[in-house]
Amino acid sequence: MKYEAPQNIIDELQQMFERVAISKFEEVRSSFVTYREALDFVRRQSHEAKWARNLVHEVVWDYVYDMFIREMNEAPMTR
């Protein structure tokens, strides 16, 4: 028998994930001067999470990395 979580729980988890990712993004963004430094840091965090087999942290850091890439593509000259 397959278990499916109620939609409200899935929605809450999605919102929590997004809040954590945005928080990490802002934290990293304010800590580094260049995108290169920020991306290197985020990539290292994702790699460490992968080796620690911490799937949640790995996914969050991968999402933060994607957020930086999107921001760079939208406004490449701002940082």
PDB file of N, CA and C in Angstrom:
ATOM      1  N   MET A   1       0.836  -1.178   0.000  1.00  0.00           N
ATOM      2  CA  MET A   1       0.000   0.000   0.000  1.00  0.00           C
ATOM      3  C   MET A   1       0.887   1.248   0.000  1.00  0.00           C
ATOM      4  N   LYS A   2       0.606   2.137  -0.887  1.00  0.00           N
ATOM      5  CA  LYS A   2       1.386   3.363  -1.030  1.00  0.00           C
ATOM      6  C   LYS A   2       0.800   4.451  -0.126  1.00  0.00           C
ATOM      7  N   TYR A   3       1.708   5.126   0.610  1.00  0.00           N
ATOM      8  CA  TYR A   3       1.279   6.214   1.483  1.00  0.00           C
ATOM      9  C   TYR A   3       1.529   7.537   0.792  1.00  0.00           C
ATOM     10  N   GLU A   4       0.551   8.403   0.813  1.00  0.00           N
ATOM     11  CA  GLU A   4       0.711   9.741   0.266  1.00  0.00           C
ATOM     12  C   GLU A   4       0.415  10.749   1.366  1.00  0.00           C
ATOM     13  N   ALA A   5       1.342  11.685   1.541  1.00  0.00           N
ATOM     14  CA  ALA A   5       1.165  12.723   2.554  1.00  0.00           C
ATOM     15  C   ALA A   5       0.051  13.669   2.115  1.00  0.00           C
ATOM     16  N   PRO A   6      -0.713  14.155   3.091  1.00  0.00           N
ATOM     17  CA  PRO A   6      -1.741  15.141   2.748  1.00  0.00           C
ATOM     18  C   PRO A   6      -1.104  16.371   2.093  1.00  0.00           C
ATOM     19  N   GLN A   7      -1.824  16.994   1.182  1.00  0.00           N
ATOM     20  CA  GLN A   7      -1.308  18.132   0.425  1.00  0.00           C
ATOM     21  C   GLN A   7      -0.867  19.272   1.340  1.00  0.00           C
ATOM     22  N   ASN A   8      -1.566  19.486   2.452  1.00  0.00           N
ATOM     23  CA  ASN A   8      -1.178  20.590   3.334  1.00  0.00           C
ATOM     24  C   ASN A   8       0.198  20.356   3.962  1.00  0.00           C
ATOM     25  N   ILE A   9       0.544  19.118   4.232  1.00  0.00           N
ATOM     26  CA  ILE A   9       1.876  18.807   4.773  1.00  0.00           C
ATOM     27  C   ILE A   9       2.935  19.039   3.697  1.00  0.00           C
ATOM     28  N   ILE A  10       2.647  18.626   2.484  1.00  0.00           N
ATOM     29  CA  ILE A  10       3.571  18.845   1.374  1.00  0.00           C
ATOM     30  C   ILE A  10       3.776  20.344   1.156  1.00  0.00           C
ATOM     31  N   ASP A  11       2.700  21.110   1.199  1.00  0.00           N
ATOM     32  CA  ASP A  11       2.794  22.565   1.025  1.00  0.00           C
ATOM     33  C   ASP A  11       3.625  23.207   2.137  1.00  0.00           C
ATOM     34  N   GLU A  12       3.421  22.762   3.371  1.00  0.00           N
ATOM     35  CA  GLU A  12       4.191  23.293   4.498  1.00  0.00           C
ATOM     36  C   GLU A  12       5.676  22.976   4.350  1.00  0.00           C
ATOM     37  N   LEU A  13       5.994  21.762   3.936  1.00  0.00           N
ATOM     38  CA  LEU A  13       7.388  21.379   3.726  1.00  0.00           C
ATOM     39  C   LEU A  13       8.018  22.214   2.612  1.00  0.00           C
ATOM     40  N   GLN A  14       7.266  22.456   1.543  1.00  0.00           N
ATOM     41  CA  GLN A  14       7.771  23.273   0.439  1.00  0.00           C
ATOM     42  C   GLN A  14       8.058  24.694   0.914  1.00  0.00           C
ATOM     43  N   GLN A  15       7.154  25.258   1.691  1.00  0.00           N
ATOM     44  CA  GLN A  15       7.358  26.613   2.212  1.00  0.00           C
ATOM     45  C   GLN A  15       8.548  26.672   3.160  1.00  0.00           C
ATOM     46  N   MET A  16       8.698  25.665   3.997  1.00  0.00           N
ATOM     47  CA  MET A  16       9.829  25.610   4.924  1.00  0.00           C
ATOM     48  C   MET A  16      11.141  25.511   4.143  1.00  0.00           C
ATOM     49  N   PHE A  17      11.168  24.657   3.139  1.00  0.00           N
ATOM     50  CA  PHE A  17      12.349  24.506   2.291  1.00  0.00           C
ATOM     51  C   PHE A  17      12.722  25.840   1.647  1.00  0.00           C
ATOM     52  N   GLU A  18      11.737  26.530   1.090  1.00  0.00           N
ATOM     53  CA  GLU A  18      11.997  27.805   0.432  1.00  0.00           C
ATOM     54  C   GLU A  18      12.499  28.857   1.414  1.00  0.00           C
ATOM     55  N   ARG A  19      11.937  28.897   2.615  1.00  0.00           N
ATOM     56  CA  ARG A  19      12.400  29.858   3.627  1.00  0.00           C
ATOM     57  C   ARG A  19      13.850  29.587   4.009  1.00  0.00           C
ATOM     58  N   VAL A  20      14.194  28.331   4.211  1.00  0.00           N
ATOM     59  CA  VAL A  20      15.567  27.974   4.570  1.00  0.00           C
ATOM     60  C   VAL A  20      16.514  28.325   3.431  1.00  0.00           C
ATOM     61  N   ALA A  21      16.149  27.989   2.213  1.00  0.00           N
ATOM     62  CA  ALA A  21      17.011  28.261   1.057  1.00  0.00           C
ATOM     63  C   ALA A  21      17.212  29.767   0.872  1.00  0.00           C
ATOM     64  N   ILE A  22      16.160  30.540   0.984  1.00  0.00           N
ATOM     65  CA  ILE A  22      16.274  31.993   0.842  1.00  0.00           C
ATOM     66  C   ILE A  22      17.131  32.570   1.951  1.00  0.00           C
ATOM     67  N   SER A  23      16.961  32.067   3.149  1.00  0.00           N
ATOM     68  CA  SER A  23      17.773  32.527   4.275  1.00  0.00           C
ATOM     69  C   SER A  23      19.251  32.236   4.041  1.00  0.00           C
ATOM     70  N   LYS A  24      19.566  31.026   3.596  1.00  0.00           N
ATOM     71  CA  LYS A  24      20.951  30.664   3.298  1.00  0.00           C
ATOM     72  C   LYS A  24      21.492  31.517   2.159  1.00  0.00           C
ATOM     73  N   PHE A  25      20.681  31.729   1.138  1.00  0.00           N
ATOM     74  CA  PHE A  25      21.082  32.553  -0.002  1.00  0.00           C
ATOM     75  C   PHE A  25      21.458  33.958   0.461  1.00  0.00           C
ATOM     76  N   GLU A  26      20.603  34.574   1.263  1.00  0.00           N
ATOM     77  CA  GLU A  26      20.864  35.930   1.752  1.00  0.00           C
ATOM     78  C   GLU A  26      22.089  35.968   2.654  1.00  0.00           C
ATOM     79  N   GLU A  27      22.245  34.951   3.472  1.00  0.00           N
ATOM     80  CA  GLU A  27      23.407  34.870   4.367  1.00  0.00           C
ATOM     81  C   GLU A  27      24.705  34.794   3.568  1.00  0.00           C
ATOM     82  N   VAL A  28      24.735  33.944   2.571  1.00  0.00           N
ATOM     83  CA  VAL A  28      25.931  33.789   1.746  1.00  0.00           C
ATOM     84  C   VAL A  28      26.154  35.059   0.922  1.00  0.00           C
ATOM     85  N   ARG A  29      25.096  35.583   0.375  1.00  0.00           N
ATOM     86  CA  ARG A  29      25.196  36.781  -0.457  1.00  0.00           C
ATOM     87  C   ARG A  29      25.817  37.950   0.301  1.00  0.00           C
ATOM     88  N   SER A  30      25.459  38.086   1.567  1.00  0.00           N
ATOM     89  CA  SER A  30      25.986  39.199   2.357  1.00  0.00           C
ATOM     90  C   SER A  30      27.394  38.917   2.888  1.00  0.00           C
ATOM     91  N   SER A  31      27.845  37.685   2.787  1.00  0.00           N
ATOM     92  CA  SER A  31      29.152  37.307   3.329  1.00  0.00           C
ATOM     93  C   SER A  31      30.287  37.364   2.306  1.00  0.00           C
ATOM     94  N   PHE A  32      29.964  37.418   1.024  1.00  0.00           N
ATOM     95  CA  PHE A  32      30.986  37.374  -0.010  1.00  0.00           C
ATOM     96  C   PHE A  32      30.853  38.557  -0.955  1.00  0.00           C
ATOM     97  N   VAL A  33      31.977  38.970  -1.500  1.00  0.00           N
ATOM     98  CA  VAL A  33      32.006  40.131  -2.382  1.00  0.00           C
ATOM     99  C   VAL A  33      31.665  39.750  -3.819  1.00  0.00           C
ATOM    100  N   THR A  34      32.133  38.579  -4.253  1.00  0.00           N
ATOM    101  CA  THR A  34      31.920  38.184  -5.650  1.00  0.00           C
ATOM    102  C   THR A  34      31.065  36.929  -5.747  1.00  0.00           C
ATOM    103  N   TYR A  35      30.456  36.775  -6.917  1.00  0.00           N
ATOM    104  CA  TYR A  35      29.696  35.556  -7.172  1.00  0.00           C
ATOM    105  C   TYR A  35      30.607  34.340  -7.131  1.00  0.00           C
ATOM    106  N   ARG A  36      31.799  34.482  -7.652  1.00  0.00           N
ATOM    107  CA  ARG A  36      32.728  33.342  -7.685  1.00  0.00           C
ATOM    108  C   ARG A  36      32.974  32.812  -6.274  1.00  0.00           C
ATOM    109  N   GLU A  37      33.247  33.711  -5.331  1.00  0.00           N
ATOM    110  CA  GLU A  37      33.475  33.295  -3.941  1.00  0.00           C
ATOM    111  C   GLU A  37      32.236  32.626  -3.362  1.00  0.00           C
ATOM    112  N   ALA A  38      31.095  33.240  -3.600  1.00  0.00           N
ATOM    113  CA  ALA A  38      29.838  32.685  -3.075  1.00  0.00           C
ATOM    114  C   ALA A  38      29.553  31.319  -3.671  1.00  0.00           C
ATOM    115  N   LEU A  39      29.726  31.187  -4.993  1.00  0.00           N
ATOM    116  CA  LEU A  39      29.465  29.901  -5.652  1.00  0.00           C
ATOM    117  C   LEU A  39      30.436  28.824  -5.188  1.00  0.00           C
ATOM    118  N   ASP A  40      31.686  29.187  -5.007  1.00  0.00           N
ATOM    119  CA  ASP A  40      32.655  28.213  -4.492  1.00  0.00           C
ATOM    120  C   ASP A  40      32.258  27.730  -3.102  1.00  0.00           C
ATOM    121  N   PHE A  41      31.853  28.662  -2.245  1.00  0.00           N
ATOM    122  CA  PHE A  41      31.433  28.302  -0.896  1.00  0.00           C
ATOM    123  C   PHE A  41      30.209  27.385  -0.928  1.00  0.00           C
ATOM    124  N   VAL A  42      29.214  27.754  -1.714  1.00  0.00           N
ATOM    125  CA  VAL A  42      27.977  26.964  -1.791  1.00  0.00           C
ATOM    126  C   VAL A  42      28.272  25.584  -2.358  1.00  0.00           C
ATOM    127  N   ARG A  43      29.115  25.520  -3.372  1.00  0.00           N
ATOM    128  CA  ARG A  43      29.477  24.225  -3.957  1.00  0.00           C
ATOM    129  C   ARG A  43      30.165  23.332  -2.921  1.00  0.00           C
ATOM    130  N   ARG A  44      31.064  23.934  -2.115  1.00  0.00           N
ATOM    131  CA  ARG A  44      31.739  23.152  -1.061  1.00  0.00           C
ATOM    132  C   ARG A  44      30.734  22.642  -0.028  1.00  0.00           C
ATOM    133  N   GLN A  45      29.779  23.493   0.348  1.00  0.00           N
ATOM    134  CA  GLN A  45      28.768  23.071   1.319  1.00  0.00           C
ATOM    135  C   GLN A  45      27.937  21.907   0.787  1.00  0.00           C
ATOM    136  N   SER A  46      27.565  21.978  -0.475  1.00  0.00           N
ATOM    137  CA  SER A  46      26.793  20.893  -1.092  1.00  0.00           C
ATOM    138  C   SER A  46      27.615  19.609  -1.142  1.00  0.00           C
ATOM    139  N   HIS A  47      28.873  19.749  -1.515  1.00  0.00           N
ATOM    140  CA  HIS A  47      29.766  18.583  -1.598  1.00  0.00           C
ATOM    141  C   HIS A  47      29.933  17.930  -0.220  1.00  0.00           C
ATOM    142  N   GLU A  48      30.149  18.754   0.812  1.00  0.00           N
ATOM    143  CA  GLU A  48      30.289  18.209   2.170  1.00  0.00           C
ATOM    144  C   GLU A  48      29.013  17.513   2.622  1.00  0.00           C
ATOM    145  N   ALA A  49      27.872  18.084   2.300  1.00  0.00           N
ATOM    146  CA  ALA A  49      26.593  17.460   2.666  1.00  0.00           C
ATOM    147  C   ALA A  49      26.420  16.128   1.943  1.00  0.00           C
ATOM    148  N   LYS A  50      26.847  16.098   0.687  1.00  0.00           N
ATOM    149  CA  LYS A  50      26.739  14.846  -0.085  1.00  0.00           C
ATOM    150  C   LYS A  50      27.571  13.754   0.569  1.00  0.00           C
ATOM    151  N   TRP A  51      28.810  14.081   0.931  1.00  0.00           N
ATOM    152  CA  TRP A  51      29.679  13.081   1.536  1.00  0.00           C
ATOM    153  C   TRP A  51      29.224  12.685   2.932  1.00  0.00           C
ATOM    154  N   ALA A  52      28.527  13.572   3.608  1.00  0.00           N
ATOM    155  CA  ALA A  52      27.983  13.252   4.933  1.00  0.00           C
ATOM    156  C   ALA A  52      26.641  12.521   4.809  1.00  0.00           C
ATOM    157  N   ARG A  53      26.217  12.333   3.572  1.00  0.00           N
ATOM    158  CA  ARG A  53      24.931  11.681   3.281  1.00  0.00           C
ATOM    159  C   ARG A  53      23.758  12.416   3.922  1.00  0.00           C
ATOM    160  N   ASN A  54      23.844  13.749   3.895  1.00  0.00           N
ATOM    161  CA  ASN A  54      22.777  14.579   4.422  1.00  0.00           C
ATOM    162  C   ASN A  54      22.008  15.150   3.229  1.00  0.00           C
ATOM    163  N   LEU A  55      21.030  14.401   2.793  1.00  0.00           N
ATOM    164  CA  LEU A  55      20.285  14.731   1.585  1.00  0.00           C
ATOM    165  C   LEU A  55      19.598  16.086   1.676  1.00  0.00           C
ATOM    166  N   VAL A  56      19.022  16.402   2.823  1.00  0.00           N
ATOM    167  CA  VAL A  56      18.297  17.666   2.972  1.00  0.00           C
ATOM    168  C   VAL A  56      19.251  18.843   2.791  1.00  0.00           C
ATOM    169  N   HIS A  57      20.394  18.823   3.469  1.00  0.00           N
ATOM    170  CA  HIS A  57      21.357  19.911   3.329  1.00  0.00           C
ATOM    171  C   HIS A  57      21.888  19.999   1.898  1.00  0.00           C
ATOM    172  N   GLU A  58      22.142  18.855   1.297  1.00  0.00           N
ATOM    173  CA  GLU A  58      22.640  18.853  -0.075  1.00  0.00           C
ATOM    174  C   GLU A  58      21.639  19.511  -1.024  1.00  0.00           C
ATOM    175  N   VAL A  59      20.380  19.166  -0.884  1.00  0.00           N
ATOM    176  CA  VAL A  59      19.347  19.727  -1.756  1.00  0.00           C
ATOM    177  C   VAL A  59      19.203  21.231  -1.516  1.00  0.00           C
ATOM    178  N   VAL A  60      19.249  21.659  -0.263  1.00  0.00           N
ATOM    179  CA  VAL A  60      19.153  23.089   0.038  1.00  0.00           C
ATOM    180  C   VAL A  60      20.318  23.835  -0.607  1.00  0.00           C
ATOM    181  N   TRP A  61      21.545  23.340  -0.411  1.00  0.00           N
ATOM    182  CA  TRP A  61      22.709  24.024  -0.981  1.00  0.00           C
ATOM    183  C   TRP A  61      22.682  24.000  -2.508  1.00  0.00           C
ATOM    184  N   ASP A  62      22.202  22.919  -3.112  1.00  0.00           N
ATOM    185  CA  ASP A  62      22.080  22.876  -4.569  1.00  0.00           C
ATOM    186  C   ASP A  62      21.078  23.926  -5.053  1.00  0.00           C
ATOM    187  N   TYR A  63      20.003  24.087  -4.316  1.00  0.00           N
ATOM    188  CA  TYR A  63      18.983  25.086  -4.664  1.00  0.00           C
ATOM    189  C   TYR A  63      19.557  26.497  -4.524  1.00  0.00           C
ATOM    190  N   VAL A  64      20.314  26.736  -3.457  1.00  0.00           N
ATOM    191  CA  VAL A  64      20.955  28.039  -3.260  1.00  0.00           C
ATOM    192  C   VAL A  64      21.921  28.318  -4.414  1.00  0.00           C
ATOM    193  N   TYR A  65      22.669  27.320  -4.825  1.00  0.00           N
ATOM    194  CA  TYR A  65      23.577  27.464  -5.963  1.00  0.00           C
ATOM    195  C   TYR A  65      22.787  27.895  -7.206  1.00  0.00           C
ATOM    196  N   ASP A  66      21.667  27.230  -7.454  1.00  0.00           N
ATOM    197  CA  ASP A  66      20.828  27.582  -8.603  1.00  0.00           C
ATOM    198  C   ASP A  66      20.294  29.011  -8.485  1.00  0.00           C
ATOM    199  N   MET A  67      19.978  29.442  -7.270  1.00  0.00           N
ATOM    200  CA  MET A  67      19.504  30.811  -7.064  1.00  0.00           C
ATOM    201  C   MET A  67      20.588  31.818  -7.463  1.00  0.00           C
ATOM    202  N   PHE A  68      21.840  31.537  -7.102  1.00  0.00           N
ATOM    203  CA  PHE A  68      22.942  32.422  -7.485  1.00  0.00           C
ATOM    204  C   PHE A  68      23.124  32.446  -9.002  1.00  0.00           C
ATOM    205  N   ILE A  69      23.041  31.296  -9.625  1.00  0.00           N
ATOM    206  CA  ILE A  69      23.190  31.227 -11.081  1.00  0.00           C
ATOM    207  C   ILE A  69      22.090  32.040 -11.754  1.00  0.00           C
ATOM    208  N   ARG A  70      20.854  31.890 -11.288  1.00  0.00           N
ATOM    209  CA  ARG A  70      19.745  32.669 -11.867  1.00  0.00           C
ATOM    210  C   ARG A  70      19.980  34.160 -11.687  1.00  0.00           C
ATOM    211  N   GLU A  71      20.412  34.564 -10.496  1.00  0.00           N
ATOM    212  CA  GLU A  71      20.665  35.986 -10.234  1.00  0.00           C
ATOM    213  C   GLU A  71      21.781  36.504 -11.139  1.00  0.00           C
ATOM    214  N   MET A  72      22.830  35.743 -11.302  1.00  0.00           N
ATOM    215  CA  MET A  72      23.937  36.148 -12.180  1.00  0.00           C
ATOM    216  C   MET A  72      23.457  36.334 -13.607  1.00  0.00           C
ATOM    217  N   ASN A  73      22.603  35.446 -14.076  1.00  0.00           N
ATOM    218  CA  ASN A  73      22.106  35.534 -15.447  1.00  0.00           C
ATOM    219  C   ASN A  73      21.178  36.716 -15.646  1.00  0.00           C
ATOM    220  N   GLU A  74      20.463  37.083 -14.590  1.00  0.00           N
ATOM    221  CA  GLU A  74      19.525  38.213 -14.693  1.00  0.00           C
ATOM    222  C   GLU A  74      20.228  39.550 -14.563  1.00  0.00           C
ATOM    223  N   ALA A  75      21.263  39.627 -13.731  1.00  0.00           N
ATOM    224  CA  ALA A  75      21.965  40.888 -13.486  1.00  0.00           C
ATOM    225  C   ALA A  75      23.461  40.631 -13.365  1.00  0.00           C
ATOM    226  N   PRO A  76      24.120  40.247 -14.449  1.00  0.00           N
ATOM    227  CA  PRO A  76      25.521  39.834 -14.353  1.00  0.00           C
ATOM    228  C   PRO A  76      26.491  40.944 -13.948  1.00  0.00           C
ATOM    229  N   MET A  77      26.128  42.194 -14.088  1.00  0.00           N
ATOM    230  CA  MET A  77      27.076  43.270 -13.804  1.00  0.00           C
ATOM    231  C   MET A  77      26.933  43.841 -12.396  1.00  0.00           C
ATOM    232  N   THR A  78      25.996  43.361 -11.586  1.00  0.00           N
ATOM    233  CA  THR A  78      25.757  43.973 -10.282  1.00  0.00           C
ATOM    234  C   THR A  78      26.738  43.539  -9.227  1.00  0.00           C
ATOM    235  N   ARG A  79      27.418  42.401  -9.391  1.00  0.00           N
ATOM    236  CA  ARG A  79      28.343  41.940  -8.353  1.00  0.00           C
ATOM    237  C   ARG A  79      29.630  41.480  -8.970  1.00  0.00           C
TER     238      ARG A  79
END
